[in-house]
Amino acid sequence: MINALSSEKPPSSMQVGATSMSVLRSVWQTYWLHENWKIFDNRSSDSDYDQLAQSLLEMEVKFEDFMQQLDAVGWDTSQINLKVPRKISIEELGPV
C-alpha cells in the first residue's frame, strides 16, 4: 500500500500483518516509484495520483516477470518471509 504522496519522494507504508507477498509487491512498487520519480517531475501535467496509477499499471505488467526472475536464480518464492516491523521507520538519507 502506498501512503500519501508528495512531490519530494515516494513514501510508502505497509500494514502490520500484511502477507509476505503483499510486502514484496509494496517494496517493488516503492522501488519503481523511486526510480521513476524524476521522469514524472519533468512532466508538469502528471499529478502524484497519476504517478501512483502508473506504478500500479507497471506492477501489474512486470511483477510476475520479477517473480519468474527470482525463480530462475534459485529463490523459492513460496518460502519468501517478509515481516512488517511495528515501530521501525526507514528514511532515505542520500548517497553515502
PDB file of N, CA and C in Angstrom:
ATOM      1  N   MET A   1       0.850  -1.153   0.000  1.00  0.00           N
ATOM      2  CA  MET A   1       0.000   0.000   0.000  1.00  0.00           C
ATOM      3  C   MET A   1       0.903   1.224   0.000  1.00  0.00           C
ATOM      4  N   ILE A   2       0.587   2.206  -0.810  1.00  0.00           N
ATOM      5  CA  ILE A   2       1.350   3.448  -0.828  1.00  0.00           C
ATOM      6  C   ILE A   2       0.592   4.473  -0.006  1.00  0.00           C
ATOM      7  N   ASN A   3       1.307   5.217   0.767  1.00  0.00           N
ATOM      8  CA  ASN A   3       0.736   6.204   1.650  1.00  0.00           C
ATOM      9  C   ASN A   3       0.561   7.523   0.908  1.00  0.00           C
ATOM     10  N   ALA A   4       0.201   8.588   1.604  1.00  0.00           N
ATOM     11  CA  ALA A   4       0.041   9.910   0.993  1.00  0.00           C
ATOM     12  C   ALA A   4       1.306  10.279   0.236  1.00  0.00           C
ATOM     13  N   LEU A   5       1.137  10.853  -0.931  1.00  0.00           N
ATOM     14  CA  LEU A   5       2.273  11.171  -1.789  1.00  0.00           C
ATOM     15  C   LEU A   5       2.620  12.643  -1.721  1.00  0.00           C
ATOM     16  N   SER A   6       3.892  12.955  -1.899  1.00  0.00           N
ATOM     17  CA  SER A   6       4.338  14.327  -2.064  1.00  0.00           C
ATOM     18  C   SER A   6       5.241  14.358  -3.281  1.00  0.00           C
ATOM     19  N   SER A   7       5.520  15.539  -3.797  1.00  0.00           N
ATOM     20  CA  SER A   7       6.361  15.629  -4.989  1.00  0.00           C
ATOM     21  C   SER A   7       7.837  15.448  -4.655  1.00  0.00           C
ATOM     22  N   GLU A   8       8.192  15.361  -3.376  1.00  0.00           N
ATOM     23  CA  GLU A   8       9.581  15.212  -2.993  1.00  0.00           C
ATOM     24  C   GLU A   8      10.117  13.808  -3.237  1.00  0.00           C
ATOM     25  N   LYS A   9       9.433  12.808  -2.759  1.00  0.00           N
ATOM     26  CA  LYS A   9       9.856  11.422  -2.937  1.00  0.00           C
ATOM     27  C   LYS A   9       8.667  10.523  -2.647  1.00  0.00           C
ATOM     28  N   PRO A  10       8.680   9.311  -3.160  1.00  0.00           N
ATOM     29  CA  PRO A  10       7.552   8.410  -2.932  1.00  0.00           C
ATOM     30  C   PRO A  10       7.662   7.669  -1.611  1.00  0.00           C
ATOM     31  N   PRO A  11       6.917   8.071  -0.592  1.00  0.00           N
ATOM     32  CA  PRO A  11       6.937   7.326   0.665  1.00  0.00           C
ATOM     33  C   PRO A  11       6.097   6.064   0.543  1.00  0.00           C
ATOM     34  N   SER A  12       6.277   5.174   1.449  1.00  0.00           N
ATOM     35  CA  SER A  12       5.411   4.000   1.455  1.00  0.00           C
ATOM     36  C   SER A  12       5.110   3.626   2.891  1.00  0.00           C
ATOM     37  N   SER A  13       4.032   2.925   3.058  1.00  0.00           N
ATOM     38  CA  SER A  13       3.730   2.364   4.363  1.00  0.00           C
ATOM     39  C   SER A  13       3.133   0.997   4.130  1.00  0.00           C
ATOM     40  N   MET A  14       3.311   0.116   5.089  1.00  0.00           N
ATOM     41  CA  MET A  14       2.784  -1.230   4.964  1.00  0.00           C
ATOM     42  C   MET A  14       1.944  -1.551   6.185  1.00  0.00           C
ATOM     43  N   GLN A  15       0.949  -2.308   5.980  1.00  0.00           N
ATOM     44  CA  GLN A  15       0.027  -2.677   7.038  1.00  0.00           C
ATOM     45  C   GLN A  15       0.635  -3.788   7.890  1.00  0.00           C
ATOM     46  N   VAL A  16       0.575  -3.621   9.195  1.00  0.00           N
ATOM     47  CA  VAL A  16       1.026  -4.683  10.091  1.00  0.00           C
ATOM     48  C   VAL A  16       0.164  -5.908   9.820  1.00  0.00           C
ATOM     49  N   GLY A  17       0.804  -7.061   9.689  1.00  0.00           N
ATOM     50  CA  GLY A  17       0.075  -8.293   9.405  1.00  0.00           C
ATOM     51  C   GLY A  17      -0.074  -8.571   7.921  1.00  0.00           C
ATOM     52  N   ALA A  18       0.496  -7.706   7.073  1.00  0.00           N
ATOM     53  CA  ALA A  18       0.421  -7.934   5.623  1.00  0.00           C
ATOM     54  C   ALA A  18       1.156  -9.225   5.275  1.00  0.00           C
ATOM     55  N   THR A  19       0.700  -9.896   4.221  1.00  0.00           N
ATOM     56  CA  THR A  19       1.380 -11.118   3.789  1.00  0.00           C
ATOM     57  C   THR A  19       2.742 -10.767   3.206  1.00  0.00           C
ATOM     58  N   SER A  20       3.625 -11.736   3.184  1.00  0.00           N
ATOM     59  CA  SER A  20       4.952 -11.530   2.606  1.00  0.00           C
ATOM     60  C   SER A  20       4.849 -11.083   1.151  1.00  0.00           C
ATOM     61  N   MET A  21       3.913 -11.660   0.410  1.00  0.00           N
ATOM     62  CA  MET A  21       3.758 -11.284  -0.998  1.00  0.00           C
ATOM     63  C   MET A  21       3.273  -9.837  -1.115  1.00  0.00           C
ATOM     64  N   SER A  22       2.393  -9.407  -0.241  1.00  0.00           N
ATOM     65  CA  SER A  22       1.939  -8.012  -0.252  1.00  0.00           C
ATOM     66  C   SER A  22       3.087  -7.065   0.065  1.00  0.00           C
ATOM     67  N   VAL A  23       3.913  -7.447   1.030  1.00  0.00           N
ATOM     68  CA  VAL A  23       5.065  -6.623   1.385  1.00  0.00           C
ATOM     69  C   VAL A  23       6.021  -6.553   0.204  1.00  0.00           C
ATOM     70  N   LEU A  24       6.290  -7.679  -0.438  1.00  0.00           N
ATOM     71  CA  LEU A  24       7.197  -7.690  -1.586  1.00  0.00           C
ATOM     72  C   LEU A  24       6.639  -6.835  -2.728  1.00  0.00           C
ATOM     73  N   ARG A  25       5.348  -6.923  -2.986  1.00  0.00           N
ATOM     74  CA  ARG A  25       4.728  -6.087  -4.026  1.00  0.00           C
ATOM     75  C   ARG A  25       4.853  -4.599  -3.678  1.00  0.00           C
ATOM     76  N   SER A  26       4.669  -4.269  -2.409  1.00  0.00           N
ATOM     77  CA  SER A  26       4.798  -2.884  -1.975  1.00  0.00           C
ATOM     78  C   SER A  26       6.230  -2.385  -2.135  1.00  0.00           C
ATOM     79  N   VAL A  27       7.194  -3.220  -1.782  1.00  0.00           N
ATOM     80  CA  VAL A  27       8.601  -2.858  -1.950  1.00  0.00           C
ATOM     81  C   VAL A  27       8.910  -2.667  -3.434  1.00  0.00           C
ATOM     82  N   TRP A  28       8.416  -3.567  -4.294  1.00  0.00           N
ATOM     83  CA  TRP A  28       8.633  -3.449  -5.744  1.00  0.00           C
ATOM     84  C   TRP A  28       8.055  -2.128  -6.245  1.00  0.00           C
ATOM     85  N   GLN A  29       6.831  -1.827  -5.852  1.00  0.00           N
ATOM     86  CA  GLN A  29       6.163  -0.602  -6.304  1.00  0.00           C
ATOM     87  C   GLN A  29       6.901   0.646  -5.805  1.00  0.00           C
ATOM     88  N   THR A  30       7.314   0.638  -4.551  1.00  0.00           N
ATOM     89  CA  THR A  30       8.040   1.774  -3.989  1.00  0.00           C
ATOM     90  C   THR A  30       9.360   1.973  -4.717  1.00  0.00           C
ATOM     91  N   TYR A  31      10.056   0.871  -5.007  1.00  0.00           N
ATOM     92  CA  TYR A  31      11.314   0.973  -5.753  1.00  0.00           C
ATOM     93  C   TYR A  31      11.054   1.548  -7.148  1.00  0.00           C
ATOM     94  N   TRP A  32      10.006   1.081  -7.817  1.00  0.00           N
ATOM     95  CA  TRP A  32       9.686   1.594  -9.150  1.00  0.00           C
ATOM     96  C   TRP A  32       9.402   3.097  -9.087  1.00  0.00           C
ATOM     97  N   LEU A  33       8.616   3.520  -8.106  1.00  0.00           N
ATOM     98  CA  LEU A  33       8.326   4.952  -7.952  1.00  0.00           C
ATOM     99  C   LEU A  33       9.612   5.746  -7.695  1.00  0.00           C
ATOM    100  N   HIS A  34      10.464   5.231  -6.838  1.00  0.00           N
ATOM    101  CA  HIS A  34      11.726   5.898  -6.532  1.00  0.00           C
ATOM    102  C   HIS A  34      12.574   6.065  -7.797  1.00  0.00           C
ATOM    103  N   GLU A  35      12.679   5.011  -8.574  1.00  0.00           N
ATOM    104  CA  GLU A  35      13.496   5.049  -9.784  1.00  0.00           C
ATOM    105  C   GLU A  35      12.895   5.921 -10.884  1.00  0.00           C
ATOM    106  N   ASN A  36      11.594   6.108 -10.884  1.00  0.00           N
ATOM    107  CA  ASN A  36      10.930   6.830 -11.969  1.00  0.00           C
ATOM    108  C   ASN A  36      10.392   8.193 -11.568  1.00  0.00           C
ATOM    109  N   TRP A  37      10.621   8.615 -10.346  1.00  0.00           N
ATOM    110  CA  TRP A  37      10.068   9.883  -9.861  1.00  0.00           C
ATOM    111  C   TRP A  37      10.543  11.074 -10.693  1.00  0.00           C
ATOM    112  N   LYS A  38      11.816  11.134 -11.039  1.00  0.00           N
ATOM    113  CA  LYS A  38      12.347  12.260 -11.810  1.00  0.00           C
ATOM    114  C   LYS A  38      11.738  12.320 -13.202  1.00  0.00           C
ATOM    115  N   ILE A  39      11.453  11.174 -13.778  1.00  0.00           N
ATOM    116  CA  ILE A  39      10.807  11.139 -15.088  1.00  0.00           C
ATOM    117  C   ILE A  39       9.480  11.872 -15.005  1.00  0.00           C
ATOM    118  N   PHE A  40       8.732  11.623 -13.935  1.00  0.00           N
ATOM    119  CA  PHE A  40       7.438  12.272 -13.762  1.00  0.00           C
ATOM    120  C   PHE A  40       7.599  13.755 -13.423  1.00  0.00           C
ATOM    121  N   ASP A  41       8.659  14.116 -12.686  1.00  0.00           N
ATOM    122  CA  ASP A  41       8.874  15.523 -12.344  1.00  0.00           C
ATOM    123  C   ASP A  41       9.027  16.379 -13.586  1.00  0.00           C
ATOM    124  N   ASN A  42       9.537  15.782 -14.667  1.00  0.00           N
ATOM    125  CA  ASN A  42       9.716  16.531 -15.909  1.00  0.00           C
ATOM    126  C   ASN A  42       8.412  16.716 -16.669  1.00  0.00           C
ATOM    127  N   ARG A  43       7.358  16.049 -16.262  1.00  0.00           N
ATOM    128  CA  ARG A  43       6.042  16.189 -16.893  1.00  0.00           C
ATOM    129  C   ARG A  43       5.135  16.935 -15.932  1.00  0.00           C
ATOM    130  N   SER A  44       5.007  18.224 -16.129  1.00  0.00           N
ATOM    131  CA  SER A  44       4.266  19.037 -15.169  1.00  0.00           C
ATOM    132  C   SER A  44       2.785  18.671 -15.095  1.00  0.00           C
ATOM    133  N   SER A  45       2.249  17.997 -16.115  1.00  0.00           N
ATOM    134  CA  SER A  45       0.824  17.673 -16.110  1.00  0.00           C
ATOM    135  C   SER A  45       0.496  16.440 -15.263  1.00  0.00           C
ATOM    136  N   ASP A  46       1.495  15.655 -14.902  1.00  0.00           N
ATOM    137  CA  ASP A  46       1.246  14.444 -14.111  1.00  0.00           C
ATOM    138  C   ASP A  46       1.109  14.780 -12.637  1.00  0.00           C
ATOM    139  N   SER A  47       0.030  14.358 -12.057  1.00  0.00           N
ATOM    140  CA  SER A  47      -0.162  14.550 -10.619  1.00  0.00           C
ATOM    141  C   SER A  47       0.455  13.378  -9.877  1.00  0.00           C
ATOM    142  N   ASP A  48       0.540  13.512  -8.583  1.00  0.00           N
ATOM    143  CA  ASP A  48       1.034  12.408  -7.756  1.00  0.00           C
ATOM    144  C   ASP A  48       0.180  11.168  -7.955  1.00  0.00           C
ATOM    145  N   TYR A  49      -1.118  11.377  -8.093  1.00  0.00           N
ATOM    146  CA  TYR A  49      -2.016  10.234  -8.275  1.00  0.00           C
ATOM    147  C   TYR A  49      -1.820   9.575  -9.627  1.00  0.00           C
ATOM    148  N   ASP A  50      -1.475  10.356 -10.656  1.00  0.00           N
ATOM    149  CA  ASP A  50      -1.150   9.777 -11.963  1.00  0.00           C
ATOM    150  C   ASP A  50       0.092   8.902 -11.852  1.00  0.00           C
ATOM    151  N   GLN A  51       1.065   9.374 -11.054  1.00  0.00           N
ATOM    152  CA  GLN A  51       2.286   8.595 -10.853  1.00  0.00           C
ATOM    153  C   GLN A  51       1.973   7.285 -10.138  1.00  0.00           C
ATOM    154  N   LEU A  52       1.135   7.356  -9.130  1.00  0.00           N
ATOM    155  CA  LEU A  52       0.727   6.156  -8.399  1.00  0.00           C
ATOM    156  C   LEU A  52      -0.008   5.194  -9.322  1.00  0.00           C
ATOM    157  N   ALA A  53      -0.923   5.728 -10.126  1.00  0.00           N
ATOM    158  CA  ALA A  53      -1.666   4.886 -11.073  1.00  0.00           C
ATOM    159  C   ALA A  53      -0.712   4.212 -12.050  1.00  0.00           C
ATOM    160  N   GLN A  54       0.273   4.946 -12.544  1.00  0.00           N
ATOM    161  CA  GLN A  54       1.245   4.361 -13.475  1.00  0.00           C
ATOM    162  C   GLN A  54       2.049   3.265 -12.793  1.00  0.00           C
ATOM    163  N   SER A  55       2.411   3.476 -11.522  1.00  0.00           N
ATOM    164  CA  SER A  55       3.179   2.444 -10.819  1.00  0.00           C
ATOM    165  C   SER A  55       2.364   1.169 -10.651  1.00  0.00           C
ATOM    166  N   LEU A  56       1.066   1.312 -10.426  1.00  0.00           N
ATOM    167  CA  LEU A  56       0.203   0.126 -10.316  1.00  0.00           C
ATOM    168  C   LEU A  56       0.114  -0.614 -11.644  1.00  0.00           C
ATOM    169  N   LEU A  57       0.005   0.146 -12.745  1.00  0.00           N
ATOM    170  CA  LEU A  57      -0.014  -0.487 -14.072  1.00  0.00           C
ATOM    171  C   LEU A  57       1.295  -1.220 -14.340  1.00  0.00           C
ATOM    172  N   GLU A  58       2.407  -0.572 -14.014  1.00  0.00           N
ATOM    173  CA  GLU A  58       3.721  -1.198 -14.217  1.00  0.00           C
ATOM    174  C   GLU A  58       3.847  -2.474 -13.384  1.00  0.00           C
ATOM    175  N   MET A  59       3.354  -2.418 -12.154  1.00  0.00           N
ATOM    176  CA  MET A  59       3.433  -3.597 -11.292  1.00  0.00           C
ATOM    177  C   MET A  59       2.606  -4.740 -11.866  1.00  0.00           C
ATOM    178  N   GLU A  60       1.415  -4.427 -12.364  1.00  0.00           N
ATOM    179  CA  GLU A  60       0.567  -5.474 -12.951  1.00  0.00           C
ATOM    180  C   GLU A  60       1.252  -6.141 -14.137  1.00  0.00           C
ATOM    181  N   VAL A  61       1.989  -5.354 -14.901  1.00  0.00           N
ATOM    182  CA  VAL A  61       2.649  -5.880 -16.102  1.00  0.00           C
ATOM    183  C   VAL A  61       3.959  -6.590 -15.758  1.00  0.00           C
ATOM    184  N   LYS A  62       4.726  -6.055 -14.805  1.00  0.00           N
ATOM    185  CA  LYS A  62       6.111  -6.508 -14.614  1.00  0.00           C
ATOM    186  C   LYS A  62       6.373  -7.347 -13.362  1.00  0.00           C
ATOM    187  N   PHE A  63       5.456  -7.367 -12.396  1.00  0.00           N
ATOM    188  CA  PHE A  63       5.745  -8.073 -11.149  1.00  0.00           C
ATOM    189  C   PHE A  63       5.881  -9.580 -11.370  1.00  0.00           C
ATOM    190  N   GLU A  64       5.032 -10.154 -12.192  1.00  0.00           N
ATOM    191  CA  GLU A  64       5.117 -11.597 -12.450  1.00  0.00           C
ATOM    192  C   GLU A  64       6.463 -11.965 -13.078  1.00  0.00           C
ATOM    193  N   ASP A  65       6.956 -11.116 -13.980  1.00  0.00           N
ATOM    194  CA  ASP A  65       8.280 -11.349 -14.574  1.00  0.00           C
ATOM    195  C   ASP A  65       9.366 -11.277 -13.496  1.00  0.00           C
ATOM    196  N   PHE A  66       9.222 -10.328 -12.579  1.00  0.00           N
ATOM    197  CA  PHE A  66      10.152 -10.215 -11.453  1.00  0.00           C
ATOM    198  C   PHE A  66      10.176 -11.515 -10.650  1.00  0.00           C
ATOM    199  N   MET A  67       8.992 -12.059 -10.373  1.00  0.00           N
ATOM    200  CA  MET A  67       8.915 -13.309  -9.624  1.00  0.00           C
ATOM    201  C   MET A  67       9.559 -14.461 -10.395  1.00  0.00           C
ATOM    202  N   GLN A  68       9.362 -14.487 -11.708  1.00  0.00           N
ATOM    203  CA  GLN A  68       9.989 -15.525 -12.538  1.00  0.00           C
ATOM    204  C   GLN A  68      11.512 -15.388 -12.517  1.00  0.00           C
ATOM    205  N   GLN A  69      11.995 -14.150 -12.485  1.00  0.00           N
ATOM    206  CA  GLN A  69      13.447 -13.931 -12.398  1.00  0.00           C
ATOM    207  C   GLN A  69      13.989 -14.453 -11.065  1.00  0.00           C
ATOM    208  N   LEU A  70      13.238 -14.245  -9.990  1.00  0.00           N
ATOM    209  CA  LEU A  70      13.656 -14.787  -8.690  1.00  0.00           C
ATOM    210  C   LEU A  70      13.722 -16.312  -8.750  1.00  0.00           C
ATOM    211  N   ASP A  71      12.696 -16.928  -9.340  1.00  0.00           N
ATOM    212  CA  ASP A  71      12.695 -18.386  -9.513  1.00  0.00           C
ATOM    213  C   ASP A  71      13.911 -18.848 -10.315  1.00  0.00           C
ATOM    214  N   ALA A  72      14.216 -18.125 -11.380  1.00  0.00           N
ATOM    215  CA  ALA A  72      15.300 -18.509 -12.287  1.00  0.00           C
ATOM    216  C   ALA A  72      16.664 -18.496 -11.610  1.00  0.00           C
ATOM    217  N   VAL A  73      16.842 -17.636 -10.613  1.00  0.00           N
ATOM    218  CA  VAL A  73      18.135 -17.582  -9.918  1.00  0.00           C
ATOM    219  C   VAL A  73      18.139 -18.397  -8.628  1.00  0.00           C
ATOM    220  N   GLY A  74      17.073 -19.198  -8.432  1.00  0.00           N
ATOM    221  CA  GLY A  74      17.088 -20.147  -7.335  1.00  0.00           C
ATOM    222  C   GLY A  74      16.288 -19.782  -6.099  1.00  0.00           C
ATOM    223  N   TRP A  75      15.570 -18.669  -6.117  1.00  0.00           N
ATOM    224  CA  TRP A  75      14.737 -18.330  -4.960  1.00  0.00           C
ATOM    225  C   TRP A  75      13.537 -19.259  -4.913  1.00  0.00           C
ATOM    226  N   ASP A  76      13.170 -19.685  -3.732  1.00  0.00           N
ATOM    227  CA  ASP A  76      11.933 -20.436  -3.549  1.00  0.00           C
ATOM    228  C   ASP A  76      10.868 -19.409  -3.190  1.00  0.00           C
ATOM    229  N   THR A  77      10.135 -18.945  -4.198  1.00  0.00           N
ATOM    230  CA  THR A  77       9.185 -17.857  -3.988  1.00  0.00           C
ATOM    231  C   THR A  77       8.001 -18.269  -3.121  1.00  0.00           C
ATOM    232  N   SER A  78       7.835 -19.561  -2.892  1.00  0.00           N
ATOM    233  CA  SER A  78       6.772 -19.995  -1.977  1.00  0.00           C
ATOM    234  C   SER A  78       7.234 -19.899  -0.520  1.00  0.00           C
ATOM    235  N   GLN A  79       8.522 -19.615  -0.313  1.00  0.00           N
ATOM    236  CA  GLN A  79       9.078 -19.541   1.035  1.00  0.00           C
ATOM    237  C   GLN A  79       9.541 -18.132   1.414  1.00  0.00           C
ATOM    238  N   ILE A  80       9.131 -17.117   0.647  1.00  0.00           N
ATOM    239  CA  ILE A  80       9.515 -15.744   0.972  1.00  0.00           C
ATOM    240  C   ILE A  80       8.834 -15.350   2.279  1.00  0.00           C
ATOM    241  N   ASN A  81       9.628 -14.836   3.209  1.00  0.00           N
ATOM    242  CA  ASN A  81       9.103 -14.479   4.528  1.00  0.00           C
ATOM    243  C   ASN A  81       9.553 -13.062   4.863  1.00  0.00           C
ATOM    244  N   LEU A  82       8.702 -12.103   4.606  1.00  0.00           N
ATOM    245  CA  LEU A  82       8.978 -10.704   4.922  1.00  0.00           C
ATOM    246  C   LEU A  82       7.988 -10.249   5.970  1.00  0.00           C
ATOM    247  N   LYS A  83       8.482  -9.537   6.962  1.00  0.00           N
ATOM    248  CA  LYS A  83       7.610  -9.069   8.034  1.00  0.00           C
ATOM    249  C   LYS A  83       7.664  -7.549   8.112  1.00  0.00           C
ATOM    250  N   VAL A  84       6.574  -6.966   8.542  1.00  0.00           N
ATOM    251  CA  VAL A  84       6.485  -5.520   8.703  1.00  0.00           C
ATOM    252  C   VAL A  84       6.795  -5.183  10.157  1.00  0.00           C
ATOM    253  N   PRO A  85       7.881  -4.419  10.390  1.00  0.00           N
ATOM    254  CA  PRO A  85       8.178  -4.029  11.770  1.00  0.00           C
ATOM    255  C   PRO A  85       7.119  -3.067  12.293  1.00  0.00           C
ATOM    256  N   ARG A  86       6.877  -3.120  13.573  1.00  0.00           N
ATOM    257  CA  ARG A  86       5.827  -2.283  14.161  1.00  0.00           C
ATOM    258  C   ARG A  86       6.281  -0.852  14.440  1.00  0.00           C
ATOM    259  N   LYS A  87       7.549  -0.640  14.757  1.00  0.00           N
ATOM    260  CA  LYS A  87       7.967   0.692  15.181  1.00  0.00           C
ATOM    261  C   LYS A  87       9.206   1.209  14.481  1.00  0.00           C
ATOM    262  N   ILE A  88       9.682   0.549  13.471  1.00  0.00           N
ATOM    263  CA  ILE A  88      10.895   0.986  12.791  1.00  0.00           C
ATOM    264  C   ILE A  88      10.519   1.810  11.570  1.00  0.00           C
ATOM    265  N   SER A  89      11.159   2.943  11.421  1.00  0.00           N
ATOM    266  CA  SER A  89      10.940   3.790  10.261  1.00  0.00           C
ATOM    267  C   SER A  89      12.264   3.931   9.524  1.00  0.00           C
ATOM    268  N   ILE A  90      12.256   3.712   8.230  1.00  0.00           N
ATOM    269  CA  ILE A  90      13.461   3.808   7.410  1.00  0.00           C
ATOM    270  C   ILE A  90      13.279   4.974   6.455  1.00  0.00           C
ATOM    271  N   GLU A  91      14.249   5.871   6.471  1.00  0.00           N
ATOM    272  CA  GLU A  91      14.205   7.008   5.568  1.00  0.00           C
ATOM    273  C   GLU A  91      15.464   7.022   4.735  1.00  0.00           C
ATOM    274  N   GLU A  92      15.348   7.455   3.488  1.00  0.00           N
ATOM    275  CA  GLU A  92      16.495   7.570   2.617  1.00  0.00           C
ATOM    276  C   GLU A  92      17.280   8.810   3.055  1.00  0.00           C
ATOM    277  N   LEU A  93      18.568   8.631   3.298  1.00  0.00           N
ATOM    278  CA  LEU A  93      19.403   9.730   3.768  1.00  0.00           C
ATOM    279  C   LEU A  93      20.218  10.352   2.646  1.00  0.00           C
ATOM    280  N   GLY A  94      20.260   9.727   1.491  1.00  0.00           N
ATOM    281  CA  GLY A  94      21.049  10.221   0.379  1.00  0.00           C
ATOM    282  C   GLY A  94      22.301   9.385   0.210  1.00  0.00           C
ATOM    283  N   PRO A  95      23.157   9.751  -0.736  1.00  0.00           N
ATOM    284  CA  PRO A  95      24.367   8.964  -1.003  1.00  0.00           C
ATOM    285  C   PRO A  95      25.296   8.922   0.194  1.00  0.00           C
ATOM    286  N   VAL A  96      25.937   7.784   0.351  1.00  0.00           N
ATOM    287  CA  VAL A  96      26.869   7.603   1.455  1.00  0.00           C
ATOM    288  C   VAL A  96      28.256   7.956   0.991  1.00  0.00           C
TER     289      VAL A  96
END
